[in-house]
Amino acid sequence: MLKGGNEVEKIIKDFLGIPTTCISDAMDGLNNLHPAIKPLKERYKLAGRAYTVKIPVGENLSVLKAIREANPGDILVVDAKGDQYRAIAGDFVVGMAQTLGIGGLVVDGVIRDIVAIKALNFPVFSRGTTVAASAKAGVGEVNVPISCGGVPVNPGDIIVGDADGVVVIPQAIEKRILALSVEKLKKDEIREASISGNPEAIRKHLDQLLSN
């Protein structure tokens, strides 16, 4: 989400620099989306406030509504019930989201036009691709509590995604989780620096773990 037209929230920027693995560890692995939901390109990373979409299988008009109403920087999080037959968006819809400044798309479902979407270099996380389009029956809701990939997501929760997957940080605990995530990252960096390439240090580290 952008504030004042161009200033990204500091907490979003901070989360963007932390691996999802560290954030997951900070939440004891409780808020990870289903591991089948992955980025179309491994290098994609996203972080932003959730703008949620709830749709029945085979419907996507509410996705268009969300694109129109979401703030720049928001992450569209779509509960498509895990359906892998009908796509909730193709390259044209994703291109509109990108042009309007949406920060990324996370869908518990599939997309289509994968080659053209990859060419946009816009972070899309999904269960995969299909050839079939969705209809526009006008059934669905936006900006409401949803479940995506087996995890509750509320509007405004922070969404972080990278090559390992997607995590949801509830808004009520975001500052505490950020602090814990930063602490975990620092510990990992110190451990790596202290034992990497050093057989004796690795043996000592393993002995400490195995003795607990």
C-alpha atoms as a PDB file:
ATOM      1  CA  MET A   1       0.000   0.000   0.000  1.00  0.00           C
ATOM      2  CA  LEU A   2       1.327   3.434  -0.851  1.00  0.00           C
ATOM      3  CA  LYS A   3       0.955   6.394   1.419  1.00  0.00           C
ATOM      4  CA  GLY A   4       1.069   9.987   0.298  1.00  0.00           C
ATOM      5  CA  GLY A   5       1.130   8.793  -3.303  1.00  0.00           C
ATOM      6  CA  ASN A   6       4.673   7.393  -3.296  1.00  0.00           C
ATOM      7  CA  GLU A   7       5.938   6.421   0.160  1.00  0.00           C
ATOM      8  CA  VAL A   8       5.730   2.712   0.846  1.00  0.00           C
ATOM      9  CA  GLU A   9       4.988   1.768   4.440  1.00  0.00           C
ATOM     10  CA  LYS A  10       8.260   1.104   6.227  1.00  0.00           C
ATOM     11  CA  ILE A  11       7.018  -2.168   7.684  1.00  0.00           C
ATOM     12  CA  ILE A  12       6.225  -3.439   4.169  1.00  0.00           C
ATOM     13  CA  LYS A  13       9.718  -2.522   2.987  1.00  0.00           C
ATOM     14  CA  ASP A  14      11.212  -4.252   6.027  1.00  0.00           C
ATOM     15  CA  PHE A  15       9.269  -7.458   5.407  1.00  0.00           C
ATOM     16  CA  LEU A  16      10.261  -7.390   1.736  1.00  0.00           C
ATOM     17  CA  GLY A  17      13.885  -7.850   2.789  1.00  0.00           C
ATOM     18  CA  ILE A  18      13.229 -10.930   4.921  1.00  0.00           C
ATOM     19  CA  PRO A  19      12.951 -14.497   3.567  1.00  0.00           C
ATOM     20  CA  THR A  20       9.552 -16.124   4.016  1.00  0.00           C
ATOM     21  CA  THR A  21      11.326 -18.960   5.826  1.00  0.00           C
ATOM     22  CA  CYS A  22      12.350 -16.608   8.648  1.00  0.00           C
ATOM     23  CA  ILE A  23       8.862 -15.091   8.823  1.00  0.00           C
ATOM     24  CA  SER A  24       7.324 -18.573   8.925  1.00  0.00           C
ATOM     25  CA  ASP A  25       9.644 -19.584  11.767  1.00  0.00           C
ATOM     26  CA  ALA A  26       8.648 -16.431  13.667  1.00  0.00           C
ATOM     27  CA  MET A  27       5.020 -17.613  13.481  1.00  0.00           C
ATOM     28  CA  ASP A  28       5.810 -21.278  14.223  1.00  0.00           C
ATOM     29  CA  GLY A  29       4.746 -22.273  10.712  1.00  0.00           C
ATOM     30  CA  LEU A  30       1.094 -21.454  11.351  1.00  0.00           C
ATOM     31  CA  ASN A  31       0.422 -18.964   8.542  1.00  0.00           C
ATOM     32  CA  ASN A  32       1.959 -20.529   5.448  1.00  0.00           C
ATOM     33  CA  LEU A  33      -0.221 -20.878   2.375  1.00  0.00           C
ATOM     34  CA  HIS A  34      -0.456 -24.335   0.810  1.00  0.00           C
ATOM     35  CA  PRO A  35       2.968 -25.153  -0.697  1.00  0.00           C
ATOM     36  CA  ALA A  36       1.415 -25.686  -4.131  1.00  0.00           C
ATOM     37  CA  ILE A  37       0.953 -21.903  -4.375  1.00  0.00           C
ATOM     38  CA  LYS A  38       4.231 -20.779  -5.901  1.00  0.00           C
ATOM     39  CA  PRO A  39       5.551 -17.866  -8.009  1.00  0.00           C
ATOM     40  CA  LEU A  40       5.587 -18.165 -11.787  1.00  0.00           C
ATOM     41  CA  LYS A  41       9.258 -17.166 -11.635  1.00  0.00           C
ATOM     42  CA  GLU A  42      11.553 -18.078  -8.744  1.00  0.00           C
ATOM     43  CA  ARG A  43      12.961 -14.561  -8.533  1.00  0.00           C
ATOM     44  CA  TYR A  44       9.562 -13.001  -7.801  1.00  0.00           C
ATOM     45  CA  LYS A  45       9.133 -11.508  -4.360  1.00  0.00           C
ATOM     46  CA  LEU A  46       6.204  -9.505  -3.063  1.00  0.00           C
ATOM     47  CA  ALA A  47       5.111  -7.777   0.130  1.00  0.00           C
ATOM     48  CA  GLY A  48       2.038  -5.658   0.709  1.00  0.00           C
ATOM     49  CA  ARG A  49      -1.371  -5.343   2.323  1.00  0.00           C
ATOM     50  CA  ALA A  50      -3.973  -7.928   1.372  1.00  0.00           C
ATOM     51  CA  TYR A  51      -6.935  -6.862  -0.725  1.00  0.00           C
ATOM     52  CA  THR A  52      -9.063  -9.969  -0.569  1.00  0.00           C
ATOM     53  CA  VAL A  53     -11.354 -11.588  -3.128  1.00  0.00           C
ATOM     54  CA  LYS A  54     -13.795 -14.440  -2.526  1.00  0.00           C
ATOM     55  CA  ILE A  55     -15.248 -16.130  -5.607  1.00  0.00           C
ATOM     56  CA  PRO A  56     -17.077 -19.325  -6.478  1.00  0.00           C
ATOM     57  CA  VAL A  57     -15.389 -21.725  -8.862  1.00  0.00           C
ATOM     58  CA  GLY A  58     -15.323 -20.421 -12.423  1.00  0.00           C
ATOM     59  CA  GLU A  59     -16.143 -16.753 -11.633  1.00  0.00           C
ATOM     60  CA  ASN A  60     -13.836 -13.739 -11.925  1.00  0.00           C
ATOM     61  CA  LEU A  61     -15.876 -10.519 -12.085  1.00  0.00           C
ATOM     62  CA  SER A  62     -14.975  -9.824  -8.465  1.00  0.00           C
ATOM     63  CA  VAL A  63     -11.300  -9.994  -9.426  1.00  0.00           C
ATOM     64  CA  LEU A  64     -11.909  -7.106 -11.824  1.00  0.00           C
ATOM     65  CA  LYS A  65     -13.732  -5.206  -9.084  1.00  0.00           C
ATOM     66  CA  ALA A  66     -10.791  -5.706  -6.751  1.00  0.00           C
ATOM     67  CA  ILE A  67      -8.350  -4.423  -9.364  1.00  0.00           C
ATOM     68  CA  ARG A  68     -10.460  -1.287  -9.705  1.00  0.00           C
ATOM     69  CA  GLU A  69     -10.864  -0.679  -5.960  1.00  0.00           C
ATOM     70  CA  ALA A  70      -7.545  -1.766  -4.438  1.00  0.00           C
ATOM     71  CA  ASN A  71      -4.858   0.746  -3.527  1.00  0.00           C
ATOM     72  CA  PRO A  72      -1.548   0.836  -5.377  1.00  0.00           C
ATOM     73  CA  GLY A  73       0.832  -1.592  -3.708  1.00  0.00           C
ATOM     74  CA  ASP A  74      -1.931  -3.850  -2.391  1.00  0.00           C
ATOM     75  CA  ILE A  75      -1.637  -7.591  -3.000  1.00  0.00           C
ATOM     76  CA  LEU A  76      -4.748  -9.204  -4.478  1.00  0.00           C
ATOM     77  CA  VAL A  77      -5.383 -12.414  -2.550  1.00  0.00           C
ATOM     78  CA  VAL A  78      -7.995 -14.575  -4.263  1.00  0.00           C
ATOM     79  CA  ASP A  79      -9.876 -17.459  -2.693  1.00  0.00           C
ATOM     80  CA  ALA A  80     -10.709 -19.516  -5.799  1.00  0.00           C
ATOM     81  CA  LYS A  81     -11.358 -22.682  -3.756  1.00  0.00           C
ATOM     82  CA  GLY A  82      -8.215 -24.328  -5.103  1.00  0.00           C
ATOM     83  CA  ASP A  83      -9.886 -24.899  -8.488  1.00  0.00           C
ATOM     84  CA  GLN A  84      -7.373 -25.845 -11.179  1.00  0.00           C
ATOM     85  CA  TYR A  85      -9.695 -26.012 -14.177  1.00  0.00           C
ATOM     86  CA  ARG A  86     -10.779 -22.409 -14.776  1.00  0.00           C
ATOM     87  CA  ALA A  87      -8.349 -19.482 -14.656  1.00  0.00           C
ATOM     88  CA  ILE A  88      -9.239 -16.432 -12.572  1.00  0.00           C
ATOM     89  CA  ALA A  89      -7.116 -14.211 -14.846  1.00  0.00           C
ATOM     90  CA  GLY A  90      -5.106 -14.119 -18.045  1.00  0.00           C
ATOM     91  CA  ASP A  91      -2.463 -11.736 -19.326  1.00  0.00           C
ATOM     92  CA  PHE A  92      -4.949  -8.952 -20.116  1.00  0.00           C
ATOM     93  CA  VAL A  93      -6.394  -8.895 -16.589  1.00  0.00           C
ATOM     94  CA  VAL A  94      -2.975  -9.204 -14.973  1.00  0.00           C
ATOM     95  CA  GLY A  95      -1.702  -6.412 -17.217  1.00  0.00           C
ATOM     96  CA  MET A  96      -4.488  -4.121 -15.997  1.00  0.00           C
ATOM     97  CA  ALA A  97      -3.571  -4.880 -12.396  1.00  0.00           C
ATOM     98  CA  GLN A  98       0.058  -4.085 -13.087  1.00  0.00           C
ATOM     99  CA  THR A  99      -0.782  -0.807 -14.833  1.00  0.00           C
ATOM    100  CA  LEU A 100      -2.930   0.328 -11.898  1.00  0.00           C
ATOM    101  CA  GLY A 101      -0.090  -0.288  -9.478  1.00  0.00           C
ATOM    102  CA  ILE A 102      -1.270  -3.485  -7.789  1.00  0.00           C
ATOM    103  CA  GLY A 103       1.679  -5.048  -5.983  1.00  0.00           C
ATOM    104  CA  GLY A 104       1.044  -8.656  -6.921  1.00  0.00           C
ATOM    105  CA  LEU A 105      -1.458 -11.489  -7.239  1.00  0.00           C
ATOM    106  CA  VAL A 106      -1.801 -14.511  -4.960  1.00  0.00           C
ATOM    107  CA  VAL A 107      -4.492 -16.995  -5.925  1.00  0.00           C
ATOM    108  CA  ASP A 108      -5.608 -20.317  -4.504  1.00  0.00           C
ATOM    109  CA  GLY A 109      -6.369 -21.390  -8.038  1.00  0.00           C
ATOM    110  CA  VAL A 110      -4.842 -20.992 -11.488  1.00  0.00           C
ATOM    111  CA  ILE A 111      -4.154 -18.438 -14.207  1.00  0.00           C
ATOM    112  CA  ARG A 112      -3.701 -18.728 -17.966  1.00  0.00           C
ATOM    113  CA  ASP A 113      -1.598 -17.100 -20.727  1.00  0.00           C
ATOM    114  CA  ILE A 114       1.469 -18.015 -18.708  1.00  0.00           C
ATOM    115  CA  VAL A 115       4.065 -16.998 -21.317  1.00  0.00           C
ATOM    116  CA  ALA A 116       2.539 -13.535 -21.757  1.00  0.00           C
ATOM    117  CA  ILE A 117       2.147 -13.084 -17.980  1.00  0.00           C
ATOM    118  CA  LYS A 118       5.779 -14.021 -17.399  1.00  0.00           C
ATOM    119  CA  ALA A 119       6.753 -11.387 -19.957  1.00  0.00           C
ATOM    120  CA  LEU A 120       5.035  -8.755 -17.785  1.00  0.00           C
ATOM    121  CA  ASN A 121       7.465  -9.472 -14.919  1.00  0.00           C
ATOM    122  CA  PHE A 122       4.589  -9.024 -12.486  1.00  0.00           C
ATOM    123  CA  PRO A 123       4.620 -11.231  -9.372  1.00  0.00           C
ATOM    124  CA  VAL A 124       1.914 -13.863  -9.700  1.00  0.00           C
ATOM    125  CA  PHE A 125       1.653 -16.746  -7.227  1.00  0.00           C
ATOM    126  CA  SER A 126      -0.760 -19.560  -8.082  1.00  0.00           C
ATOM    127  CA  ARG A 127      -1.306 -23.328  -8.171  1.00  0.00           C
ATOM    128  CA  GLY A 128      -0.409 -23.380 -11.856  1.00  0.00           C
ATOM    129  CA  THR A 129      -2.004 -22.715 -15.230  1.00  0.00           C
ATOM    130  CA  THR A 130      -4.904 -23.872 -17.358  1.00  0.00           C
ATOM    131  CA  VAL A 131      -6.490 -23.055 -20.708  1.00  0.00           C
ATOM    132  CA  ALA A 132     -10.091 -22.506 -19.583  1.00  0.00           C
ATOM    133  CA  ALA A 133     -11.439 -19.038 -18.792  1.00  0.00           C
ATOM    134  CA  SER A 134     -13.826 -18.065 -16.006  1.00  0.00           C
ATOM    135  CA  ALA A 135     -17.259 -16.525 -16.463  1.00  0.00           C
ATOM    136  CA  LYS A 136     -18.471 -13.161 -15.182  1.00  0.00           C
ATOM    137  CA  ALA A 137     -21.680 -14.008 -13.341  1.00  0.00           C
ATOM    138  CA  GLY A 138     -21.283 -11.219 -10.806  1.00  0.00           C
ATOM    139  CA  VAL A 139     -21.118 -13.537  -7.802  1.00  0.00           C
ATOM    140  CA  GLY A 140     -18.395 -12.938  -5.241  1.00  0.00           C
ATOM    141  CA  GLU A 141     -17.135 -10.546  -2.579  1.00  0.00           C
ATOM    142  CA  VAL A 142     -14.146  -8.264  -2.143  1.00  0.00           C
ATOM    143  CA  ASN A 143     -12.343  -6.874   0.894  1.00  0.00           C
ATOM    144  CA  VAL A 144     -13.828  -9.490   3.246  1.00  0.00           C
ATOM    145  CA  PRO A 145     -12.240 -12.202   5.414  1.00  0.00           C
ATOM    146  CA  ILE A 146     -11.288 -15.218   3.295  1.00  0.00           C
ATOM    147  CA  SER A 147      -9.386 -18.467   3.428  1.00  0.00           C
ATOM    148  CA  CYS A 148      -6.564 -18.815   0.916  1.00  0.00           C
ATOM    149  CA  GLY A 149      -4.373 -21.874   0.714  1.00  0.00           C
ATOM    150  CA  GLY A 150      -5.734 -23.090   4.035  1.00  0.00           C
ATOM    151  CA  VAL A 151      -4.917 -19.867   5.912  1.00  0.00           C
ATOM    152  CA  PRO A 152      -7.308 -17.145   7.123  1.00  0.00           C
ATOM    153  CA  VAL A 153      -6.618 -13.809   5.425  1.00  0.00           C
ATOM    154  CA  ASN A 154      -8.193 -10.523   6.483  1.00  0.00           C
ATOM    155  CA  PRO A 155      -8.116  -7.273   4.528  1.00  0.00           C
ATOM    156  CA  GLY A 156      -5.000  -5.354   5.530  1.00  0.00           C
ATOM    157  CA  ASP A 157      -2.969  -8.375   6.638  1.00  0.00           C
ATOM    158  CA  ILE A 158       0.580  -8.319   5.310  1.00  0.00           C
ATOM    159  CA  ILE A 159       1.343 -10.810   2.539  1.00  0.00           C
ATOM    160  CA  VAL A 160       4.938 -11.809   1.804  1.00  0.00           C
ATOM    161  CA  GLY A 161       5.900 -14.201  -0.964  1.00  0.00           C
ATOM    162  CA  ASP A 162       9.111 -15.495  -2.518  1.00  0.00           C
ATOM    163  CA  ALA A 163      10.451 -18.659  -4.145  1.00  0.00           C
ATOM    164  CA  ASP A 164       9.679 -20.736  -1.047  1.00  0.00           C
ATOM    165  CA  GLY A 165       6.003 -19.762  -0.862  1.00  0.00           C
ATOM    166  CA  VAL A 166       3.639 -17.257   0.753  1.00  0.00           C
ATOM    167  CA  VAL A 167       3.084 -16.275   4.374  1.00  0.00           C
ATOM    168  CA  VAL A 168       0.330 -14.173   5.946  1.00  0.00           C
ATOM    169  CA  ILE A 169       1.118 -11.814   8.831  1.00  0.00           C
ATOM    170  CA  PRO A 170      -2.045 -10.813  10.729  1.00  0.00           C
ATOM    171  CA  GLN A 171      -2.282  -7.066  11.092  1.00  0.00           C
ATOM    172  CA  ALA A 172      -2.729  -7.261  14.879  1.00  0.00           C
ATOM    173  CA  ILE A 173       0.692  -8.860  15.413  1.00  0.00           C
ATOM    174  CA  GLU A 174       2.690  -7.500  12.471  1.00  0.00           C
ATOM    175  CA  LYS A 175       5.177  -5.454  14.535  1.00  0.00           C
ATOM    176  CA  ARG A 176       5.975  -8.333  16.869  1.00  0.00           C
ATOM    177  CA  ILE A 177       6.371 -10.756  13.963  1.00  0.00           C
ATOM    178  CA  LEU A 178       8.664  -8.300  12.170  1.00  0.00           C
ATOM    179  CA  ALA A 179      10.906  -8.082  15.232  1.00  0.00           C
ATOM    180  CA  LEU A 180      11.002 -11.872  15.613  1.00  0.00           C
ATOM    181  CA  SER A 181      11.682 -12.327  11.890  1.00  0.00           C
ATOM    182  CA  VAL A 182      14.595  -9.874  11.952  1.00  0.00           C
ATOM    183  CA  GLU A 183      15.998 -11.650  15.000  1.00  0.00           C
ATOM    184  CA  LYS A 184      15.729 -15.036  13.257  1.00  0.00           C
ATOM    185  CA  LEU A 185      17.438 -13.699  10.130  1.00  0.00           C
ATOM    186  CA  LYS A 186      20.334 -12.277  12.165  1.00  0.00           C
ATOM    187  CA  LYS A 187      20.774 -15.580  14.016  1.00  0.00           C
ATOM    188  CA  ASP A 188      20.839 -17.460  10.717  1.00  0.00           C
ATOM    189  CA  GLU A 189      23.429 -15.070   9.276  1.00  0.00           C
ATOM    190  CA  ILE A 190      25.652 -15.363  12.367  1.00  0.00           C
ATOM    191  CA  ARG A 191      25.408 -19.157  12.321  1.00  0.00           C
ATOM    192  CA  GLU A 192      26.247 -19.295   8.631  1.00  0.00           C
ATOM    193  CA  ALA A 193      29.238 -16.985   9.035  1.00  0.00           C
ATOM    194  CA  SER A 194      30.570 -18.909  12.031  1.00  0.00           C
ATOM    195  CA  ILE A 195      30.501 -22.457  10.654  1.00  0.00           C
ATOM    196  CA  SER A 196      30.358 -22.279   6.855  1.00  0.00           C
ATOM    197  CA  GLY A 197      33.315 -24.125   5.324  1.00  0.00           C
ATOM    198  CA  ASN A 198      34.699 -25.025   8.758  1.00  0.00           C
ATOM    199  CA  PRO A 199      34.451 -28.798   9.408  1.00  0.00           C
ATOM    200  CA  GLU A 200      35.387 -28.538  13.081  1.00  0.00           C
ATOM    201  CA  ALA A 201      32.839 -25.782  13.726  1.00  0.00           C
ATOM    202  CA  ILE A 202      30.178 -27.850  11.949  1.00  0.00           C
ATOM    203  CA  ARG A 203      30.969 -30.880  14.143  1.00  0.00           C
ATOM    204  CA  LYS A 204      30.685 -28.776  17.290  1.00  0.00           C
ATOM    205  CA  HIS A 205      27.400 -27.294  16.070  1.00  0.00           C
ATOM    206  CA  LEU A 206      25.980 -30.745  15.339  1.00  0.00           C
ATOM    207  CA  ASP A 207      27.164 -32.071  18.695  1.00  0.00           C
ATOM    208  CA  GLN A 208      25.380 -29.217  20.476  1.00  0.00           C
ATOM    209  CA  LEU A 209      22.147 -29.937  18.613  1.00  0.00           C
ATOM    210  CA  LEU A 210      22.336 -33.672  19.198  1.00  0.00           C
ATOM    211  CA  SER A 211      23.065 -33.298  22.892  1.00  0.00           C
ATOM    212  CA  ASN A 212      19.839 -31.352  23.588  1.00  0.00           C
END
